[in-house]
Protein backbone atom coordinates (compact mmCIF):
# COMPACT_ATOMS: atom_id res chain seq x y z
CA PRO A 1 14.68 32.44 -1.27
CA ILE A 2 14.39 29.29 -0.24
CA VAL A 3 14.34 26.33 -3.15
CA SER A 4 14.34 22.99 -3.65
CA PRO A 5 16.08 20.90 -6.65
CA PHE A 6 13.05 18.40 -6.87
CA THR A 7 9.64 19.31 -5.60
CA LEU A 8 6.56 17.10 -6.66
CA SER A 9 3.15 18.04 -7.22
CA HIS A 10 1.38 15.45 -4.65
CA SER A 11 2.36 14.53 -1.36
CA LEU A 12 1.27 10.87 -2.83
CA PHE A 13 1.42 8.96 -5.85
CA PRO A 14 -1.43 6.97 -7.29
CA THR A 15 -0.80 2.79 -6.80
CA SER A 16 -2.64 1.60 -9.79
CA GLU A 17 -3.46 3.22 -13.36
CA LYS A 18 -7.17 2.68 -12.16
CA VAL A 19 -6.58 5.34 -9.39
CA CYS A 20 -4.42 7.65 -11.19
CA ASN A 21 -7.18 8.32 -13.54
CA GLN A 22 -9.56 8.87 -11.37
CA LEU A 23 -7.64 12.31 -10.06
CA GLY A 24 -8.84 14.51 -12.33
CA VAL A 25 -5.59 16.52 -11.77
CA PRO A 26 -2.22 15.43 -13.76
CA ILE A 27 0.71 14.18 -10.94
CA GLY A 28 4.46 14.39 -11.58
CA CYS A 29 7.23 16.45 -10.34
CA TYR A 30 9.53 19.76 -11.58
CA PHE A 31 13.28 18.71 -11.89
CA THR A 32 15.81 21.87 -11.46
CA PRO A 33 19.17 19.78 -12.97
CA PHE A 34 21.55 23.26 -12.62
CA ILE A 35 20.23 24.65 -9.53
CA ASP A 36 22.95 25.86 -6.78
CA LEU A 37 22.99 23.48 -4.10
CA LYS A 38 24.42 25.86 -1.57
CA GLU A 39 23.16 24.36 1.86
CA ASP A 40 21.20 27.50 3.04
CA LEU A 41 19.37 27.30 -0.53
CA ILE A 42 17.86 24.18 0.33
CA THR A 43 14.69 23.25 1.78
CA SER A 44 14.74 21.82 5.02
CA SER A 45 11.29 19.99 4.99
CA PRO A 46 10.37 16.58 6.00
CA TYR A 47 9.75 15.17 2.09
CA SER A 48 13.06 16.69 0.93
CA LEU A 49 14.57 14.82 -1.09
CA THR A 50 18.77 14.63 -1.63
CA ILE A 51 18.17 13.89 -5.98
CA ASP A 52 21.52 14.22 -8.42
CA SER A 53 21.86 12.60 -11.95
CA ASN A 54 23.14 8.75 -10.25
CA ASN A 55 19.46 8.24 -9.12
CA LEU A 56 17.22 10.17 -11.18
CA ALA A 57 15.12 7.45 -13.70
CA ARG A 58 16.27 8.60 -17.32
CA CYS A 59 15.21 6.70 -20.93
CA ASP A 60 17.63 3.74 -21.56
CA GLN A 61 17.15 4.43 -25.36
CA CYS A 62 17.59 8.39 -25.14
CA GLY A 63 18.12 9.25 -21.59
CA GLY A 64 15.75 11.64 -21.31
CA TYR A 65 14.34 12.22 -17.41
CA ILE A 66 11.42 10.71 -16.37
CA ASN A 67 8.48 14.25 -16.32
CA PRO A 68 5.19 14.84 -15.93
CA TYR A 69 4.09 13.59 -19.73
CA VAL A 70 5.49 10.19 -19.44
CA GLU A 71 2.94 7.05 -19.02
CA ILE A 72 3.61 4.97 -16.13
CA SER A 73 2.69 1.91 -15.34
CA SER A 74 2.98 -0.32 -11.83
CA SER A 75 6.16 -1.40 -12.79
CA SER A 76 7.67 0.79 -15.83
CA TRP A 77 7.39 4.15 -17.17
CA TYR A 78 7.39 4.72 -21.33
CA CYS A 79 9.69 7.62 -22.29
CA SER A 80 7.42 10.88 -23.48
CA ILE A 81 10.41 11.65 -26.20
CA CYS A 82 11.06 8.68 -28.29
CA GLY A 83 8.00 5.72 -26.36
CA ASN A 84 10.89 3.32 -25.40
CA ARG A 85 9.34 1.83 -21.90
CA ASN A 86 11.57 1.63 -19.29
CA VAL A 87 11.74 -0.51 -15.85
CA PHE A 88 11.30 1.19 -12.50
C-alpha cells in the first residue's frame, strides 16, 4: 500500500480565525511518527512533504506535537495537552 508519514485533512488552511470558524468541519493532519520510510512506500504526489521530528512543531513546555486539537491563532498555537502558547 502507498502510505505517507504526514497527511493533511485539507489542501489549504484558513488564514484567519474568522474563516476557520466558518468552515463547519474540523481541520488538521495525521502524523505517523514511526512509519517505515522505505522509498517505495512513500506517496509521490505534488503535496508530499518531508517531515521529521526536527521540523514538526512541538510544544515548548511539554513536547507534545501539533495536532488537530490545538487552538491556532495567526502567529501561535496553544497546546492541547498543557495549554502552553507556542509561536510558529
